[in-house]
Amino acid sequence: MRKLITNFDNVSEMDIGPLAQNCLANLAANPRYPDAKLPAAALLAALTPYQAAAAIQYPTLTQTAELAQLRSTLNQALAAVASMANAQYSDDEAALLSTGLALSQELEHQAA
């Protein structure tokens, strides 16, 4: 059974903000995740400063380092949402997809 991706390091800088916003929108009032308030709040708390830092057109070295730290926090917040959903709905792809996050690829079984 497929699970939600929990590693967001390979998501581009241009795509990570919209992905997080989409996830927040999908979690809001989602009947499958009535207990998602804390992970959603953590995601919003990580997204807001990340977006502000990412909007700086000509960042200094310090600002670039800060953006990397904020990105790491945002990745962790997204991973927390994915992990929560994976634990809650381990065999329900529709419920997992309702978070707005992507599923992992099917693992191919190779013959010995």
PDB file of N, CA and C in Angstrom:
ATOM      1  N   MET A   1       0.852  -1.193   0.000  1.00  0.00           N
ATOM      2  CA  MET A   1       0.000   0.000   0.000  1.00  0.00           C
ATOM      3  C   MET A   1       0.889   1.245   0.000  1.00  0.00           C
ATOM      4  N   ARG A   2       0.504   2.196  -0.793  1.00  0.00           N
ATOM      5  CA  ARG A   2       1.293   3.432  -0.882  1.00  0.00           C
ATOM      6  C   ARG A   2       1.012   4.333   0.322  1.00  0.00           C
ATOM      7  N   LYS A   3       2.004   5.128   0.652  1.00  0.00           N
ATOM      8  CA  LYS A   3       1.922   6.102   1.748  1.00  0.00           C
ATOM      9  C   LYS A   3       2.230   7.485   1.194  1.00  0.00           C
ATOM     10  N   LEU A   4       1.933   8.501   1.986  1.00  0.00           N
ATOM     11  CA  LEU A   4       2.310   9.859   1.605  1.00  0.00           C
ATOM     12  C   LEU A   4       3.819  10.014   1.699  1.00  0.00           C
ATOM     13  N   ILE A   5       4.368  10.798   0.796  1.00  0.00           N
ATOM     14  CA  ILE A   5       5.789  11.128   0.826  1.00  0.00           C
ATOM     15  C   ILE A   5       6.061  11.935   2.094  1.00  0.00           C
ATOM     16  N   THR A   6       7.131  11.610   2.794  1.00  0.00           N
ATOM     17  CA  THR A   6       7.471  12.336   4.023  1.00  0.00           C
ATOM     18  C   THR A   6       8.781  13.112   3.904  1.00  0.00           C
ATOM     19  N   ASN A   7       9.432  13.045   2.743  1.00  0.00           N
ATOM     20  CA  ASN A   7      10.672  13.782   2.525  1.00  0.00           C
ATOM     21  C   ASN A   7      10.418  14.815   1.425  1.00  0.00           C
ATOM     22  N   PHE A   8      10.572  16.075   1.780  1.00  0.00           N
ATOM     23  CA  PHE A   8      10.259  17.166   0.852  1.00  0.00           C
ATOM     24  C   PHE A   8      11.500  17.918   0.388  1.00  0.00           C
ATOM     25  N   ASP A   9      12.681  17.339   0.604  1.00  0.00           N
ATOM     26  CA  ASP A   9      13.933  17.994   0.222  1.00  0.00           C
ATOM     27  C   ASP A   9      14.026  18.232  -1.279  1.00  0.00           C
ATOM     28  N   ASN A  10      13.427  17.351  -2.078  1.00  0.00           N
ATOM     29  CA  ASN A  10      13.535  17.473  -3.534  1.00  0.00           C
ATOM     30  C   ASN A  10      12.445  18.341  -4.161  1.00  0.00           C
ATOM     31  N   VAL A  11      11.537  18.879  -3.363  1.00  0.00           N
ATOM     32  CA  VAL A  11      10.503  19.772  -3.894  1.00  0.00           C
ATOM     33  C   VAL A  11      11.161  21.131  -4.138  1.00  0.00           C
ATOM     34  N   SER A  12      10.949  21.684  -5.319  1.00  0.00           N
ATOM     35  CA  SER A  12      11.616  22.945  -5.666  1.00  0.00           C
ATOM     36  C   SER A  12      11.149  24.102  -4.789  1.00  0.00           C
ATOM     37  N   GLU A  13      11.995  25.131  -4.741  1.00  0.00           N
ATOM     38  CA  GLU A  13      11.665  26.326  -3.965  1.00  0.00           C
ATOM     39  C   GLU A  13      10.356  26.954  -4.452  1.00  0.00           C
ATOM     40  N   MET A  14      10.130  26.884  -5.759  1.00  0.00           N
ATOM     41  CA  MET A  14       8.915  27.490  -6.314  1.00  0.00           C
ATOM     42  C   MET A  14       7.667  26.673  -5.976  1.00  0.00           C
ATOM     43  N   ASP A  15       7.821  25.370  -5.717  1.00  0.00           N
ATOM     44  CA  ASP A  15       6.669  24.503  -5.487  1.00  0.00           C
ATOM     45  C   ASP A  15       6.353  24.252  -4.020  1.00  0.00           C
ATOM     46  N   ILE A  16       7.308  24.464  -3.123  1.00  0.00           N
ATOM     47  CA  ILE A  16       7.101  24.095  -1.726  1.00  0.00           C
ATOM     48  C   ILE A  16       6.044  24.969  -1.046  1.00  0.00           C
ATOM     49  N   GLY A  17       6.047  26.278  -1.335  1.00  0.00           N
ATOM     50  CA  GLY A  17       5.046  27.162  -0.734  1.00  0.00           C
ATOM     51  C   GLY A  17       3.632  26.801  -1.170  1.00  0.00           C
ATOM     52  N   PRO A  18       3.379  26.688  -2.475  1.00  0.00           N
ATOM     53  CA  PRO A  18       2.048  26.280  -2.923  1.00  0.00           C
ATOM     54  C   PRO A  18       1.637  24.899  -2.404  1.00  0.00           C
ATOM     55  N   LEU A  19       2.586  23.974  -2.298  1.00  0.00           N
ATOM     56  CA  LEU A  19       2.263  22.653  -1.757  1.00  0.00           C
ATOM     57  C   LEU A  19       1.787  22.773  -0.309  1.00  0.00           C
ATOM     58  N   ALA A  20       2.509  23.549   0.483  1.00  0.00           N
ATOM     59  CA  ALA A  20       2.134  23.733   1.886  1.00  0.00           C
ATOM     60  C   ALA A  20       0.788  24.451   2.005  1.00  0.00           C
ATOM     61  N   GLN A  21       0.558  25.457   1.170  1.00  0.00           N
ATOM     62  CA  GLN A  21      -0.724  26.170   1.193  1.00  0.00           C
ATOM     63  C   GLN A  21      -1.866  25.233   0.814  1.00  0.00           C
ATOM     64  N   ASN A  22      -1.658  24.404  -0.182  1.00  0.00           N
ATOM     65  CA  ASN A  22      -2.664  23.444  -0.613  1.00  0.00           C
ATOM     66  C   ASN A  22      -2.961  22.443   0.504  1.00  0.00           C
ATOM     67  N   CYS A  23      -1.927  21.999   1.182  1.00  0.00           N
ATOM     68  CA  CYS A  23      -2.097  21.072   2.295  1.00  0.00           C
ATOM     69  C   CYS A  23      -2.925  21.727   3.403  1.00  0.00           C
ATOM     70  N   LEU A  24      -2.600  22.969   3.739  1.00  0.00           N
ATOM     71  CA  LEU A  24      -3.366  23.686   4.766  1.00  0.00           C
ATOM     72  C   LEU A  24      -4.834  23.824   4.367  1.00  0.00           C
ATOM     73  N   ALA A  25      -5.071  24.180   3.108  1.00  0.00           N
ATOM     74  CA  ALA A  25      -6.451  24.332   2.626  1.00  0.00           C
ATOM     75  C   ALA A  25      -7.201  23.000   2.694  1.00  0.00           C
ATOM     76  N   ASN A  26      -6.508  21.909   2.363  1.00  0.00           N
ATOM     77  CA  ASN A  26      -7.146  20.596   2.379  1.00  0.00           C
ATOM     78  C   ASN A  26      -7.395  20.086   3.798  1.00  0.00           C
ATOM     79  N   LEU A  27      -6.572  20.481   4.745  1.00  0.00           N
ATOM     80  CA  LEU A  27      -6.772  20.045   6.126  1.00  0.00           C
ATOM     81  C   LEU A  27      -7.887  20.827   6.821  1.00  0.00           C
ATOM     82  N   ALA A  28      -8.084  22.066   6.400  1.00  0.00           N
ATOM     83  CA  ALA A  28      -9.107  22.906   7.044  1.00  0.00           C
ATOM     84  C   ALA A  28     -10.473  22.270   6.861  1.00  0.00           C
ATOM     85  N   ALA A  29     -11.102  21.968   7.944  1.00  0.00           N
ATOM     86  CA  ALA A  29     -12.457  21.395   7.957  1.00  0.00           C
ATOM     87  C   ALA A  29     -12.539  20.051   7.235  1.00  0.00           C
ATOM     88  N   ASN A  30     -11.419  19.335   7.125  1.00  0.00           N
ATOM     89  CA  ASN A  30     -11.429  18.011   6.519  1.00  0.00           C
ATOM     90  C   ASN A  30     -11.977  17.030   7.557  1.00  0.00           C
ATOM     91  N   PRO A  31     -13.129  16.424   7.288  1.00  0.00           N
ATOM     92  CA  PRO A  31     -13.732  15.545   8.299  1.00  0.00           C
ATOM     93  C   PRO A  31     -12.882  14.319   8.627  1.00  0.00           C
ATOM     94  N   ARG A  32     -11.967  13.962   7.755  1.00  0.00           N
ATOM     95  CA  ARG A  32     -11.099  12.806   8.027  1.00  0.00           C
ATOM     96  C   ARG A  32     -10.024  13.120   9.060  1.00  0.00           C
ATOM     97  N   TYR A  33      -9.736  14.403   9.239  1.00  0.00           N
ATOM     98  CA  TYR A  33      -8.645  14.800  10.134  1.00  0.00           C
ATOM     99  C   TYR A  33      -9.112  15.824  11.168  1.00  0.00           C
ATOM    100  N   PRO A  34     -10.013  15.427  12.051  1.00  0.00           N
ATOM    101  CA  PRO A  34     -10.494  16.388  13.053  1.00  0.00           C
ATOM    102  C   PRO A  34      -9.410  16.788  14.058  1.00  0.00           C
ATOM    103  N   ASP A  35      -8.373  15.968  14.194  1.00  0.00           N
ATOM    104  CA  ASP A  35      -7.298  16.261  15.144  1.00  0.00           C
ATOM    105  C   ASP A  35      -6.070  16.881  14.487  1.00  0.00           C
ATOM    106  N   ALA A  36      -6.247  17.458  13.319  1.00  0.00           N
ATOM    107  CA  ALA A  36      -5.106  18.002  12.578  1.00  0.00           C
ATOM    108  C   ALA A  36      -4.795  19.454  12.934  1.00  0.00           C
ATOM    109  N   LYS A  37      -5.448  20.001  13.930  1.00  0.00           N
ATOM    110  CA  LYS A  37      -5.230  21.411  14.257  1.00  0.00           C
ATOM    111  C   LYS A  37      -3.768  21.710  14.632  1.00  0.00           C
ATOM    112  N   LEU A  38      -3.170  20.867  15.443  1.00  0.00           N
ATOM    113  CA  LEU A  38      -1.779  21.123  15.843  1.00  0.00           C
ATOM    114  C   LEU A  38      -0.803  20.985  14.681  1.00  0.00           C
ATOM    115  N   PRO A  39      -0.856  19.897  13.895  1.00  0.00           N
ATOM    116  CA  PRO A  39       0.062  19.849  12.741  1.00  0.00           C
ATOM    117  C   PRO A  39      -0.200  20.971  11.737  1.00  0.00           C
ATOM    118  N   ALA A  40      -1.458  21.339  11.555  1.00  0.00           N
ATOM    119  CA  ALA A  40      -1.773  22.433  10.625  1.00  0.00           C
ATOM    120  C   ALA A  40      -1.243  23.762  11.160  1.00  0.00           C
ATOM    121  N   ALA A  41      -1.372  23.976  12.456  1.00  0.00           N
ATOM    122  CA  ALA A  41      -0.853  25.218  13.052  1.00  0.00           C
ATOM    123  C   ALA A  41       0.665  25.282  12.935  1.00  0.00           C
ATOM    124  N   ALA A  42       1.326  24.146  13.135  1.00  0.00           N
ATOM    125  CA  ALA A  42       2.787  24.102  12.994  1.00  0.00           C
ATOM    126  C   ALA A  42       3.192  24.352  11.546  1.00  0.00           C
ATOM    127  N   LEU A  43       2.411  23.817  10.615  1.00  0.00           N
ATOM    128  CA  LEU A  43       2.699  24.035   9.191  1.00  0.00           C
ATOM    129  C   LEU A  43       2.535  25.506   8.830  1.00  0.00           C
ATOM    130  N   LEU A  44       1.479  26.126   9.294  1.00  0.00           N
ATOM    131  CA  LEU A  44       1.272  27.549   9.024  1.00  0.00           C
ATOM    132  C   LEU A  44       2.379  28.384   9.664  1.00  0.00           C
ATOM    133  N   ALA A  45       2.773  28.028  10.872  1.00  0.00           N
ATOM    134  CA  ALA A  45       3.848  28.760  11.565  1.00  0.00           C
ATOM    135  C   ALA A  45       5.181  28.620  10.831  1.00  0.00           C
ATOM    136  N   ALA A  46       5.378  27.522  10.127  1.00  0.00           N
ATOM    137  CA  ALA A  46       6.612  27.334   9.352  1.00  0.00           C
ATOM    138  C   ALA A  46       6.522  28.002   7.986  1.00  0.00           C
ATOM    139  N   LEU A  47       5.330  27.995   7.403  1.00  0.00           N
ATOM    140  CA  LEU A  47       5.156  28.525   6.055  1.00  0.00           C
ATOM    141  C   LEU A  47       5.277  30.043   5.999  1.00  0.00           C
ATOM    142  N   THR A  48       4.691  30.738   6.947  1.00  0.00           N
ATOM    143  CA  THR A  48       4.640  32.201   6.903  1.00  0.00           C
ATOM    144  C   THR A  48       6.038  32.831   6.855  1.00  0.00           C
ATOM    145  N   PRO A  49       6.950  32.501   7.774  1.00  0.00           N
ATOM    146  CA  PRO A  49       8.285  33.111   7.689  1.00  0.00           C
ATOM    147  C   PRO A  49       9.083  32.617   6.483  1.00  0.00           C
ATOM    148  N   TYR A  50       8.833  31.376   6.067  1.00  0.00           N
ATOM    149  CA  TYR A  50       9.539  30.867   4.879  1.00  0.00           C
ATOM    150  C   TYR A  50       9.164  31.703   3.658  1.00  0.00           C
ATOM    151  N   GLN A  51       7.879  31.959   3.475  1.00  0.00           N
ATOM    152  CA  GLN A  51       7.442  32.736   2.313  1.00  0.00           C
ATOM    153  C   GLN A  51       8.011  34.144   2.338  1.00  0.00           C
ATOM    154  N   ALA A  52       8.057  34.744   3.518  1.00  0.00           N
ATOM    155  CA  ALA A  52       8.623  36.095   3.626  1.00  0.00           C
ATOM    156  C   ALA A  52      10.099  36.082   3.238  1.00  0.00           C
ATOM    157  N   ALA A  53      10.832  35.103   3.714  1.00  0.00           N
ATOM    158  CA  ALA A  53      12.259  35.016   3.402  1.00  0.00           C
ATOM    159  C   ALA A  53      12.491  34.676   1.931  1.00  0.00           C
ATOM    160  N   ALA A  54      11.646  33.809   1.381  1.00  0.00           N
ATOM    161  CA  ALA A  54      11.794  33.417  -0.021  1.00  0.00           C
ATOM    162  C   ALA A  54      11.476  34.553  -0.972  1.00  0.00           C
ATOM    163  N   ALA A  55      10.723  35.546  -0.511  1.00  0.00           N
ATOM    164  CA  ALA A  55      10.333  36.671  -1.360  1.00  0.00           C
ATOM    165  C   ALA A  55      11.448  37.706  -1.513  1.00  0.00           C
ATOM    166  N   ILE A  56      12.500  37.603  -0.727  1.00  0.00           N
ATOM    167  CA  ILE A  56      13.611  38.556  -0.821  1.00  0.00           C
ATOM    168  C   ILE A  56      14.354  38.304  -2.128  1.00  0.00           C
ATOM    169  N   GLN A  57      14.409  39.338  -2.981  1.00  0.00           N
ATOM    170  CA  GLN A  57      14.978  39.152  -4.321  1.00  0.00           C
ATOM    171  C   GLN A  57      16.486  39.002  -4.336  1.00  0.00           C
ATOM    172  N   TYR A  58      17.180  39.758  -3.531  1.00  0.00           N
ATOM    173  CA  TYR A  58      18.645  39.703  -3.521  1.00  0.00           C
ATOM    174  C   TYR A  58      19.109  39.467  -2.082  1.00  0.00           C
ATOM    175  N   PRO A  59      18.974  38.227  -1.629  1.00  0.00           N
ATOM    176  CA  PRO A  59      19.303  37.956  -0.222  1.00  0.00           C
ATOM    177  C   PRO A  59      20.801  38.027   0.051  1.00  0.00           C
ATOM    178  N   THR A  60      21.112  38.441   1.265  1.00  0.00           N
ATOM    179  CA  THR A  60      22.502  38.420   1.721  1.00  0.00           C
ATOM    180  C   THR A  60      22.859  36.971   2.075  1.00  0.00           C
ATOM    181  N   LEU A  61      24.109  36.738   2.389  1.00  0.00           N
ATOM    182  CA  LEU A  61      24.514  35.387   2.796  1.00  0.00           C
ATOM    183  C   LEU A  61      23.763  34.955   4.057  1.00  0.00           C
ATOM    184  N   THR A  62      23.589  35.884   4.984  1.00  0.00           N
ATOM    185  CA  THR A  62      22.851  35.578   6.211  1.00  0.00           C
ATOM    186  C   THR A  62      21.405  35.225   5.896  1.00  0.00           C
ATOM    187  N   GLN A  63      20.781  36.011   5.031  1.00  0.00           N
ATOM    188  CA  GLN A  63      19.393  35.731   4.652  1.00  0.00           C
ATOM    189  C   GLN A  63      19.265  34.396   3.922  1.00  0.00           C
ATOM    190  N   THR A  64      20.252  34.045   3.122  1.00  0.00           N
ATOM    191  CA  THR A  64      20.254  32.759   2.420  1.00  0.00           C
ATOM    192  C   THR A  64      20.347  31.616   3.423  1.00  0.00           C
ATOM    193  N   ALA A  65      21.196  31.778   4.433  1.00  0.00           N
ATOM    194  CA  ALA A  65      21.323  30.755   5.479  1.00  0.00           C
ATOM    195  C   ALA A  65      20.027  30.644   6.280  1.00  0.00           C
ATOM    196  N   GLU A  66      19.410  31.787   6.571  1.00  0.00           N
ATOM    197  CA  GLU A  66      18.137  31.776   7.297  1.00  0.00           C
ATOM    198  C   GLU A  66      17.053  31.086   6.478  1.00  0.00           C
ATOM    199  N   LEU A  67      17.028  31.337   5.171  1.00  0.00           N
ATOM    200  CA  LEU A  67      16.046  30.695   4.293  1.00  0.00           C
ATOM    201  C   LEU A  67      16.224  29.178   4.327  1.00  0.00           C
ATOM    202  N   ALA A  68      17.457  28.712   4.332  1.00  0.00           N
ATOM    203  CA  ALA A  68      17.716  27.271   4.394  1.00  0.00           C
ATOM    204  C   ALA A  68      17.185  26.675   5.703  1.00  0.00           C
ATOM    205  N   GLN A  69      17.361  27.406   6.806  1.00  0.00           N
ATOM    206  CA  GLN A  69      16.835  26.936   8.097  1.00  0.00           C
ATOM    207  C   GLN A  69      15.312  26.917   8.077  1.00  0.00           C
ATOM    208  N   LEU A  70      14.707  27.952   7.516  1.00  0.00           N
ATOM    209  CA  LEU A  70      13.243  28.023   7.439  1.00  0.00           C
ATOM    210  C   LEU A  70      12.697  26.924   6.541  1.00  0.00           C
ATOM    211  N   ARG A  71      13.418  26.611   5.476  1.00  0.00           N
ATOM    212  CA  ARG A  71      12.992  25.541   4.567  1.00  0.00           C
ATOM    213  C   ARG A  71      13.027  24.196   5.295  1.00  0.00           C
ATOM    214  N   SER A  72      14.061  23.985   6.073  1.00  0.00           N
ATOM    215  CA  SER A  72      14.171  22.746   6.835  1.00  0.00           C
ATOM    216  C   SER A  72      12.996  22.599   7.803  1.00  0.00           C
ATOM    217  N   THR A  73      12.638  23.685   8.467  1.00  0.00           N
ATOM    218  CA  THR A  73      11.498  23.670   9.386  1.00  0.00           C
ATOM    219  C   THR A  73      10.203  23.391   8.635  1.00  0.00           C
ATOM    220  N   LEU A  74      10.050  24.005   7.456  1.00  0.00           N
ATOM    221  CA  LEU A  74       8.857  23.782   6.641  1.00  0.00           C
ATOM    222  C   LEU A  74       8.788  22.319   6.189  1.00  0.00           C
ATOM    223  N   ASN A  75       9.917  21.766   5.756  1.00  0.00           N
ATOM    224  CA  ASN A  75       9.954  20.354   5.353  1.00  0.00           C
ATOM    225  C   ASN A  75       9.536  19.453   6.519  1.00  0.00           C
ATOM    226  N   GLN A  76      10.009  19.767   7.718  1.00  0.00           N
ATOM    227  CA  GLN A  76       9.670  18.969   8.900  1.00  0.00           C
ATOM    228  C   GLN A  76       8.183  19.066   9.217  1.00  0.00           C
ATOM    229  N   ALA A  77       7.607  20.264   9.057  1.00  0.00           N
ATOM    230  CA  ALA A  77       6.181  20.436   9.329  1.00  0.00           C
ATOM    231  C   ALA A  77       5.333  19.659   8.319  1.00  0.00           C
ATOM    232  N   LEU A  78       5.734  19.673   7.055  1.00  0.00           N
ATOM    233  CA  LEU A  78       5.031  18.882   6.041  1.00  0.00           C
ATOM    234  C   LEU A  78       5.170  17.388   6.327  1.00  0.00           C
ATOM    235  N   ALA A  79       6.357  16.978   6.729  1.00  0.00           N
ATOM    236  CA  ALA A  79       6.589  15.566   7.055  1.00  0.00           C
ATOM    237  C   ALA A  79       5.729  15.135   8.244  1.00  0.00           C
ATOM    238  N   ALA A  80       5.534  16.029   9.203  1.00  0.00           N
ATOM    239  CA  ALA A  80       4.704  15.708  10.369  1.00  0.00           C
ATOM    240  C   ALA A  80       3.249  15.477   9.952  1.00  0.00           C
ATOM    241  N   VAL A  81       2.754  16.307   9.043  1.00  0.00           N
ATOM    242  CA  VAL A  81       1.385  16.117   8.539  1.00  0.00           C
ATOM    243  C   VAL A  81       1.291  14.786   7.799  1.00  0.00           C
ATOM    244  N   ALA A  82       2.253  14.511   6.933  1.00  0.00           N
ATOM    245  CA  ALA A  82       2.242  13.264   6.170  1.00  0.00           C
ATOM    246  C   ALA A  82       2.323  12.054   7.096  1.00  0.00           C
ATOM    247  N   SER A  83       3.170  12.121   8.101  1.00  0.00           N
ATOM    248  CA  SER A  83       3.312  11.007   9.036  1.00  0.00           C
ATOM    249  C   SER A  83       2.031  10.782   9.829  1.00  0.00           C
ATOM    250  N   MET A  84       1.386  11.869  10.241  1.00  0.00           N
ATOM    251  CA  MET A  84       0.121  11.764  10.964  1.00  0.00           C
ATOM    252  C   MET A  84      -0.919  11.069  10.099  1.00  0.00           C
ATOM    253  N   ALA A  85      -1.026  11.494   8.846  1.00  0.00           N
ATOM    254  CA  ALA A  85      -2.015  10.906   7.939  1.00  0.00           C
ATOM    255  C   ALA A  85      -1.680   9.445   7.640  1.00  0.00           C
ATOM    256  N   ASN A  86      -0.393   9.146   7.419  1.00  0.00           N
ATOM    257  CA  ASN A  86       0.015   7.764   7.150  1.00  0.00           C
ATOM    258  C   ASN A  86      -0.338   6.850   8.318  1.00  0.00           C
ATOM    259  N   ALA A  87      -0.164   7.340   9.534  1.00  0.00           N
ATOM    260  CA  ALA A  87      -0.467   6.531  10.718  1.00  0.00           C
ATOM    261  C   ALA A  87      -1.976   6.334  10.882  1.00  0.00           C
ATOM    262  N   GLN A  88      -2.723   7.377  10.550  1.00  0.00           N
ATOM    263  CA  GLN A  88      -4.172   7.340  10.757  1.00  0.00           C
ATOM    264  C   GLN A  88      -4.894   6.544   9.673  1.00  0.00           C
ATOM    265  N   TYR A  89      -4.419   6.616   8.443  1.00  0.00           N
ATOM    266  CA  TYR A  89      -5.096   5.973   7.305  1.00  0.00           C
ATOM    267  C   TYR A  89      -4.094   5.167   6.480  1.00  0.00           C
ATOM    268  N   SER A  90      -3.532   4.152   7.088  1.00  0.00           N
ATOM    269  CA  SER A  90      -2.475   3.396   6.415  1.00  0.00           C
ATOM    270  C   SER A  90      -2.950   2.638   5.180  1.00  0.00           C
ATOM    271  N   ASP A  91      -4.241   2.398   5.065  1.00  0.00           N
ATOM    272  CA  ASP A  91      -4.728   1.637   3.905  1.00  0.00           C
ATOM    273  C   ASP A  91      -5.854   2.346   3.163  1.00  0.00           C
ATOM    274  N   ASP A  92      -5.876   3.674   3.224  1.00  0.00           N
ATOM    275  CA  ASP A  92      -6.939   4.441   2.568  1.00  0.00           C
ATOM    276  C   ASP A  92      -6.304   5.569   1.749  1.00  0.00           C
ATOM    277  N   GLU A  93      -6.019   5.280   0.470  1.00  0.00           N
ATOM    278  CA  GLU A  93      -5.347   6.273  -0.378  1.00  0.00           C
ATOM    279  C   GLU A  93      -6.172   7.536  -0.554  1.00  0.00           C
ATOM    280  N   ALA A  94      -7.488   7.426  -0.616  1.00  0.00           N
ATOM    281  CA  ALA A  94      -8.330   8.617  -0.769  1.00  0.00           C
ATOM    282  C   ALA A  94      -8.169   9.538   0.436  1.00  0.00           C
ATOM    283  N   ALA A  95      -8.157   8.974   1.626  1.00  0.00           N
ATOM    284  CA  ALA A  95      -7.967   9.779   2.837  1.00  0.00           C
ATOM    285  C   ALA A  95      -6.590  10.427   2.840  1.00  0.00           C
ATOM    286  N   LEU A  96      -5.579   9.679   2.405  1.00  0.00           N
ATOM    287  CA  LEU A  96      -4.230  10.234   2.347  1.00  0.00           C
ATOM    288  C   LEU A  96      -4.156  11.382   1.348  1.00  0.00           C
ATOM    289  N   LEU A  97      -4.716  11.173   0.174  1.00  0.00           N
ATOM    290  CA  LEU A  97      -4.691  12.220  -0.853  1.00  0.00           C
ATOM    291  C   LEU A  97      -5.486  13.456  -0.450  1.00  0.00           C
ATOM    292  N   SER A  98      -6.453  13.291   0.447  1.00  0.00           N
ATOM    293  CA  SER A  98      -7.258  14.448   0.862  1.00  0.00           C
ATOM    294  C   SER A  98      -6.450  15.474   1.649  1.00  0.00           C
ATOM    295  N   THR A  99      -5.210  15.140   2.005  1.00  0.00           N
ATOM    296  CA  THR A  99      -4.332  16.108   2.671  1.00  0.00           C
ATOM    297  C   THR A  99      -3.742  17.107   1.685  1.00  0.00           C
ATOM    298  N   GLY A 100      -3.796  16.780   0.388  1.00  0.00           N
ATOM    299  CA  GLY A 100      -3.164  17.635  -0.610  1.00  0.00           C
ATOM    300  C   GLY A 100      -1.710  17.283  -0.855  1.00  0.00           C
ATOM    301  N   LEU A 101      -1.226  16.240  -0.202  1.00  0.00           N
ATOM    302  CA  LEU A 101       0.147  15.795  -0.395  1.00  0.00           C
ATOM    303  C   LEU A 101       0.172  14.615  -1.361  1.00  0.00           C
ATOM    304  N   ALA A 102       1.359  14.286  -1.853  1.00  0.00           N
ATOM    305  CA  ALA A 102       1.500  13.249  -2.871  1.00  0.00           C
ATOM    306  C   ALA A 102       1.838  11.894  -2.252  1.00  0.00           C
ATOM    307  N   LEU A 103       1.373  10.860  -2.932  1.00  0.00           N
ATOM    308  CA  LEU A 103       1.692   9.495  -2.532  1.00  0.00           C
ATOM    309  C   LEU A 103       3.027   9.066  -3.124  1.00  0.00           C
ATOM    310  N   SER A 104       3.689   8.171  -2.429  1.00  0.00           N
ATOM    311  CA  SER A 104       4.921   7.589  -2.954  1.00  0.00           C
ATOM    312  C   SER A 104       4.577   6.702  -4.144  1.00  0.00           C
ATOM    313  N   GLN A 105       5.587   6.378  -4.908  1.00  0.00           N
ATOM    314  CA  GLN A 105       5.390   5.478  -6.043  1.00  0.00           C
ATOM    315  C   GLN A 105       5.240   4.052  -5.532  1.00  0.00           C
ATOM    316  N   GLU A 106       4.547   3.233  -6.299  1.00  0.00           N
ATOM    317  CA  GLU A 106       4.442   1.820  -5.966  1.00  0.00           C
ATOM    318  C   GLU A 106       5.825   1.198  -6.016  1.00  0.00           C
ATOM    319  N   LEU A 107       6.122   0.378  -5.064  1.00  0.00           N
ATOM    320  CA  LEU A 107       7.384  -0.356  -5.103  1.00  0.00           C
ATOM    321  C   LEU A 107       7.207  -1.555  -6.004  1.00  0.00           C
ATOM    322  N   GLU A 108       8.132  -1.720  -6.918  1.00  0.00           N
ATOM    323  CA  GLU A 108       8.056  -2.853  -7.836  1.00  0.00           C
ATOM    324  C   GLU A 108       8.750  -4.049  -7.194  1.00  0.00           C
ATOM    325  N   HIS A 109       8.074  -5.158  -7.189  1.00  0.00           N
ATOM    326  CA  HIS A 109       8.667  -6.377  -6.640  1.00  0.00           C
ATOM    327  C   HIS A 109       9.430  -7.069  -7.755  1.00  0.00           C
ATOM    328  N   GLN A 110      10.676  -7.344  -7.502  1.00  0.00           N
ATOM    329  CA  GLN A 110      11.504  -7.985  -8.514  1.00  0.00           C
ATOM    330  C   GLN A 110      11.622  -9.474  -8.198  1.00  0.00           C
ATOM    331  N   ALA A 111      11.536 -10.260  -9.227  1.00  0.00           N
ATOM    332  CA  ALA A 111      11.685 -11.707  -9.057  1.00  0.00           C
ATOM    333  C   ALA A 111      13.128 -12.038  -8.685  1.00  0.00           C
ATOM    334  N   ALA A 112      13.274 -13.026  -7.837  1.00  0.00           N
ATOM    335  CA  ALA A 112      14.620 -13.416  -7.379  1.00  0.00           C
ATOM    336  C   ALA A 112      15.382 -14.149  -8.456  1.00  0.00           C
TER     337      ALA A 112
END
